[in-house]
Protein backbone atom coordinates (compact mmCIF):
# COMPACT_ATOMS: atom_id res chain seq x y z
CA MET A 1 -110.21 190.16 -40.19
CA ARG A 2 -112.95 191.45 -37.90
CA VAL A 3 -115.57 189.24 -39.57
CA ALA A 4 -113.25 186.21 -39.64
CA SER A 5 -112.62 186.53 -35.90
CA ALA A 6 -116.36 186.74 -35.24
CA VAL A 7 -117.01 183.63 -37.36
CA VAL A 8 -114.65 181.68 -35.10
CA LEU A 9 -115.48 183.23 -31.74
CA VAL A 10 -119.27 183.49 -31.84
CA PRO A 11 -119.96 179.74 -32.29
CA ALA A 12 -117.37 178.96 -29.63
CA ALA A 13 -119.00 181.40 -27.21
CA LEU A 14 -122.46 180.00 -27.94
CA GLY A 15 -121.17 176.50 -27.27
CA VAL A 16 -119.70 177.52 -23.92
CA ILE A 17 -122.93 179.31 -22.92
CA TRP A 18 -125.07 176.33 -23.87
CA THR A 19 -122.79 173.87 -22.07
CA GLY A 20 -122.78 176.04 -18.94
CA GLY A 21 -121.61 174.63 -15.64
CA TYR A 22 -117.95 174.68 -14.75
CA LEU A 23 -116.92 175.19 -18.37
CA PHE A 24 -118.78 178.49 -18.53
CA ALA A 25 -117.51 179.50 -15.08
CA SER A 26 -113.92 178.65 -16.08
CA VAL A 27 -114.13 180.73 -19.25
CA VAL A 28 -115.55 183.70 -17.33
CA THR A 29 -112.78 183.36 -14.72
CA VAL A 30 -110.03 183.33 -17.34
CA ALA A 31 -111.65 186.25 -19.17
CA ALA A 32 -111.84 188.27 -15.94
CA ALA A 33 -108.13 187.73 -15.33
CA ALA A 34 -107.19 188.58 -18.92
CA MET A 35 -109.27 191.75 -18.95
CA GLY A 36 -107.71 192.77 -15.64
CA TRP A 37 -104.25 192.34 -17.12
CA GLU A 38 -105.24 194.38 -20.18
CA TRP A 39 -106.66 197.13 -17.97
CA ALA A 40 -103.40 197.33 -16.05
CA ASN A 41 -101.44 197.72 -19.27
CA LEU A 42 -103.94 200.26 -20.60
CA THR A 43 -103.64 202.42 -17.47
CA ARG A 44 -99.87 201.89 -17.23
CA CYS A 45 -100.02 201.06 -13.53
CA GLY A 46 -97.09 198.63 -13.43
CA GLY A 47 -96.45 194.88 -13.56
CA THR A 48 -97.07 194.17 -9.88
CA ALA A 49 -100.46 195.87 -10.03
CA ALA A 50 -101.29 193.97 -13.22
CA THR A 51 -100.62 190.66 -11.48
CA ILE A 52 -102.74 191.63 -8.48
CA ILE A 53 -105.68 192.74 -10.66
CA ALA A 54 -105.59 189.54 -12.70
CA LEU A 55 -105.33 187.30 -9.63
CA ALA A 56 -108.02 189.19 -7.69
CA ASN A 57 -110.45 189.00 -10.61
CA ALA A 58 -109.79 185.30 -11.10
CA ALA A 59 -110.05 184.56 -7.37
CA ALA A 60 -113.36 186.39 -7.09
CA CYS A 61 -114.93 184.54 -10.03
CA GLY A 62 -113.52 181.19 -8.94
CA ALA A 63 -114.85 181.64 -5.41
CA LEU A 64 -118.36 182.51 -6.60
CA ALA A 65 -118.39 179.61 -9.06
CA LEU A 66 -117.55 177.25 -6.19
CA GLY A 67 -120.32 178.67 -4.02
CA PHE A 68 -118.46 181.12 -1.77
CA PRO A 69 -119.98 184.57 -2.49
CA VAL A 70 -118.53 186.20 0.64
CA VAL A 71 -115.01 185.12 -0.35
CA ALA A 72 -115.65 186.49 -3.84
CA PHE A 73 -116.50 189.96 -2.57
CA VAL A 74 -113.60 189.90 -0.11
CA ALA A 75 -111.32 189.16 -3.08
CA VAL A 76 -112.72 192.17 -4.94
CA GLY A 77 -112.28 194.52 -2.00
CA SER A 78 -108.82 193.35 -0.99
CA GLY A 79 -107.72 193.24 -4.62
CA ALA A 80 -108.75 196.86 -5.14
CA VAL A 81 -106.86 197.98 -2.02
CA LEU A 82 -103.69 196.01 -2.83
CA THR A 83 -103.75 197.22 -6.42
CA SER A 84 -103.97 200.83 -5.27
CA ILE A 85 -100.94 200.28 -3.05
CA ALA A 86 -98.91 198.51 -5.72
CA ALA A 87 -99.75 200.84 -8.62
CA ARG A 88 -97.78 203.86 -9.60
CA GLU A 89 -99.00 206.74 -7.45
CA ALA A 90 -100.52 208.78 -10.29
CA ASN A 91 -102.52 205.80 -11.58
CA ALA A 92 -103.58 204.19 -8.30
CA ALA A 93 -107.25 205.10 -8.60
CA TRP A 94 -107.41 203.97 -12.22
CA ALA A 95 -105.69 200.71 -11.33
CA SER A 96 -108.16 199.90 -8.55
CA LEU A 97 -111.04 200.42 -10.97
CA GLY A 98 -109.70 197.45 -12.91
CA VAL A 99 -110.81 195.16 -10.11
CA VAL A 100 -114.18 196.78 -9.46
CA ILE A 101 -115.45 197.43 -12.98
CA ILE A 102 -114.31 194.05 -14.32
CA ALA A 103 -114.69 191.60 -11.45
CA LEU A 104 -118.15 192.74 -10.34
CA PRO A 105 -119.77 192.45 -13.80
CA CYS A 106 -118.10 189.05 -14.25
CA LEU A 107 -119.57 187.98 -10.92
CA ALA A 108 -122.91 189.26 -12.20
CA VAL A 109 -122.64 187.03 -15.27
CA LEU A 110 -121.97 183.98 -13.09
CA TRP A 111 -124.89 184.91 -10.85
CA LEU A 112 -127.17 185.36 -13.86
CA ALA A 113 -126.14 181.96 -15.19
CA GLY A 114 -127.86 180.44 -12.18
CA ALA A 115 -130.76 182.90 -12.17
CA PHE A 116 -131.67 182.85 -15.87
CA GLY A 117 -130.22 179.61 -17.21
CA ARG A 118 -128.81 179.14 -20.68
CA VAL A 119 -131.73 180.78 -22.50
CA GLY A 120 -131.43 183.92 -20.40
CA LEU A 121 -127.68 184.04 -20.93
CA LEU A 122 -128.19 183.70 -24.68
CA TRP A 123 -130.59 186.63 -24.55
CA LEU A 124 -128.03 188.72 -22.64
CA PHE A 125 -125.14 187.91 -24.96
CA LEU A 126 -127.14 188.20 -28.19
CA THR A 127 -128.55 191.54 -27.07
CA VAL A 128 -125.06 192.94 -26.52
CA TRP A 129 -123.75 191.46 -29.79
CA ALA A 130 -126.74 192.89 -31.67
CA THR A 131 -126.09 196.28 -30.07
CA ASP A 132 -122.47 196.24 -31.23
CA THR A 133 -123.42 195.16 -34.75
CA GLY A 134 -126.35 197.55 -35.09
CA ALA A 135 -124.28 200.48 -33.83
CA PHE A 136 -121.40 199.64 -36.17
CA VAL A 137 -123.59 199.24 -39.27
CA ALA A 138 -125.75 202.31 -38.62
CA GLY A 139 -122.78 204.45 -37.66
CA ARG A 140 -120.84 203.53 -40.79
CA SER A 141 -123.76 203.71 -43.23
CA ILE A 142 -125.55 206.79 -41.85
CA GLY A 143 -122.88 208.72 -39.95
CA GLY A 144 -123.94 212.16 -38.77
CA ARG A 145 -123.57 213.92 -35.46
CA ARG A 146 -121.08 212.52 -32.95
CA LEU A 147 -122.47 210.95 -29.80
CA ALA A 148 -119.74 211.95 -27.35
CA PRO A 149 -116.74 213.40 -29.20
CA ALA A 150 -114.92 214.16 -25.96
CA LEU A 151 -114.96 210.46 -25.06
CA SER A 152 -115.01 208.65 -28.40
CA PRO A 153 -114.61 210.51 -31.70
CA ASN A 154 -116.07 207.74 -33.87
CA LYS A 155 -119.40 207.00 -32.20
CA THR A 156 -122.51 208.68 -33.63
CA TRP A 157 -126.12 209.16 -32.63
CA ALA A 158 -127.09 207.08 -35.64
CA GLY A 159 -124.96 204.25 -34.29
CA PHE A 160 -126.49 204.65 -30.84
CA PHE A 161 -130.05 204.31 -32.12
CA GLY A 162 -128.99 201.57 -34.52
CA GLY A 163 -127.74 199.59 -31.53
CA LEU A 164 -131.01 200.18 -29.68
CA ALA A 165 -133.06 199.02 -32.67
CA ALA A 166 -131.01 195.85 -33.09
CA ALA A 167 -131.32 195.05 -29.37
CA ALA A 168 -135.08 195.63 -29.47
CA LEU A 169 -135.32 193.18 -32.37
CA VAL A 170 -133.50 190.53 -30.32
CA GLY A 171 -135.87 191.14 -27.38
CA TRP A 172 -138.91 190.83 -29.64
CA ALA A 173 -137.59 187.60 -31.18
CA PHE A 174 -136.90 186.05 -27.77
CA ALA A 175 -140.31 187.11 -26.46
CA ARG A 176 -142.00 185.43 -29.42
CA LEU A 177 -139.89 182.28 -29.52
CA ALA A 178 -139.68 181.70 -25.78
CA GLY A 179 -143.26 182.73 -25.11
CA VAL A 180 -142.34 185.26 -22.44
CA SER A 181 -143.60 188.77 -21.74
CA ALA A 182 -143.18 191.52 -24.31
CA ALA A 183 -141.48 193.45 -21.51
CA LEU A 184 -138.34 191.75 -22.79
CA VAL A 185 -138.24 194.38 -25.56
CA PRO A 186 -137.79 197.43 -23.29
CA ALA A 187 -135.47 195.33 -21.13
CA SER A 188 -133.32 194.66 -24.20
CA ILE A 189 -133.26 198.37 -25.00
CA ALA A 190 -132.13 199.12 -21.44
CA LEU A 191 -129.34 196.55 -21.74
CA SER A 192 -128.34 198.14 -25.05
CA VAL A 193 -127.99 201.54 -23.37
CA ALA A 194 -125.89 199.99 -20.59
CA ALA A 195 -123.72 198.18 -23.14
CA GLN A 196 -123.04 201.37 -25.06
CA LEU A 197 -122.23 203.22 -21.85
CA GLY A 198 -119.74 200.47 -21.03
CA ASP A 199 -118.19 200.93 -24.45
CA LEU A 200 -117.97 204.68 -23.94
CA ALA A 201 -116.40 204.23 -20.51
CA GLU A 202 -113.58 202.13 -21.93
CA SER A 203 -113.15 204.60 -24.80
CA ALA A 204 -112.77 207.38 -22.26
CA ALA A 205 -110.06 205.41 -20.43
CA LYS A 206 -108.20 204.67 -23.66
CA ARG A 207 -108.37 208.31 -24.67
CA ARG A 208 -107.12 209.36 -21.22
CA PHE A 209 -104.02 207.19 -21.61
CA GLY A 210 -103.56 207.60 -25.37
CA VAL A 211 -104.17 203.93 -26.18
CA LYS A 212 -105.96 202.69 -29.31
CA ASP A 213 -106.72 199.12 -28.17
CA SER A 214 -106.56 197.37 -24.81
CA GLY A 215 -104.60 194.53 -26.41
CA HIS A 216 -104.05 192.48 -29.54
CA LEU A 217 -105.56 189.16 -28.53
CA ILE A 218 -108.41 189.16 -31.08
CA PRO A 219 -107.49 190.05 -34.69
CA GLY A 220 -109.61 192.90 -35.96
CA HIS A 221 -111.09 193.60 -32.53
CA GLY A 222 -108.11 194.44 -30.30
CA GLY A 223 -108.05 193.08 -26.78
CA LEU A 224 -110.58 191.05 -24.87
CA LEU A 225 -111.61 194.16 -22.97
CA ASP A 226 -112.32 195.93 -26.27
CA ARG A 227 -114.66 193.10 -27.22
CA LEU A 228 -116.39 192.71 -23.83
CA ASP A 229 -116.64 196.29 -22.54
CA GLY A 230 -120.31 196.45 -23.51
CA MET A 231 -120.97 193.11 -21.85
CA LEU A 232 -119.60 194.47 -18.57
CA GLY A 233 -122.11 197.31 -18.58
CA ALA A 234 -125.05 195.17 -19.68
CA SER A 235 -124.41 192.35 -17.21
CA ALA A 236 -124.14 194.81 -14.32
CA LEU A 237 -127.54 196.28 -15.19
CA ALA A 238 -129.09 192.83 -15.72
CA TRP A 239 -127.84 191.79 -12.28
CA LEU A 240 -129.30 194.88 -10.63
CA VAL A 241 -132.70 194.28 -12.22
CA ALA A 242 -132.68 190.54 -11.47
CA PHE A 243 -131.56 191.03 -7.87
CA TRP A 244 -134.12 193.75 -7.23
CA THR A 245 -136.97 191.64 -8.62
CA GLY A 246 -135.80 188.42 -6.95
CA ALA A 247 -135.23 186.67 -10.28
CA GLY A 248 -131.92 185.25 -9.10
CA ALA A 249 -133.09 183.50 -5.93
CA LEU A 250 -132.39 180.03 -7.31
CA PHE A 251 -128.72 180.83 -7.70
CA TRP A 252 -128.26 181.42 -4.00
CA ARG A 253 -129.87 178.06 -3.29
CA GLY A 254 -127.04 176.46 -5.24
CA SER A 255 -129.10 175.30 -8.23
């Protein structure tokens, strides 16, 4: 079931990335809302809070896609505050995180779409997918010492390094095929680390609330958040690097 879902979803995702434009922005916006809803259910913060998280995430992404970055960040801030007010008292802080840790990385992906273009986005997505696959294969075939048993009982050091190796291979392939600097290899490794930290962060939240999956949207994978948790971590790091180096200047000029 896991493989069958990937066979359907991966080509669809590649098509959306390659098409870009408003199609890509629309998919990211819907995904941000769906992940926000799943986070609210995962943290058991109540239906009103779930609606606010989903709407705030969608509003932020929609505003940035239309060229209003200030409105986007206002949506994130106000959404976090309103969610904290609406959530059950014990889960208010966890609920607010659903806006910050989902909306901001989704905004980063939209920003990177303008900064890097379709080839850069393909590198980002393929690096995260390779990390997931490499970690899964190495963890299952080699096993060994657990990476962070207090956060996720199934992840191993073998899986961690397997994910790094797979990401490095993607970076090397892109550097060769696209004729860019070999620095893409260590950059891919850094994204792999960020992706696996994102995965661990969601695992910690699920363990905190006694939840196995964030949802049941994708057969064999769980919810959308289960599938994209690594992407949230990797895109946030990619944005930080791109912003710091000025690689995303074209985006702010509306290109």
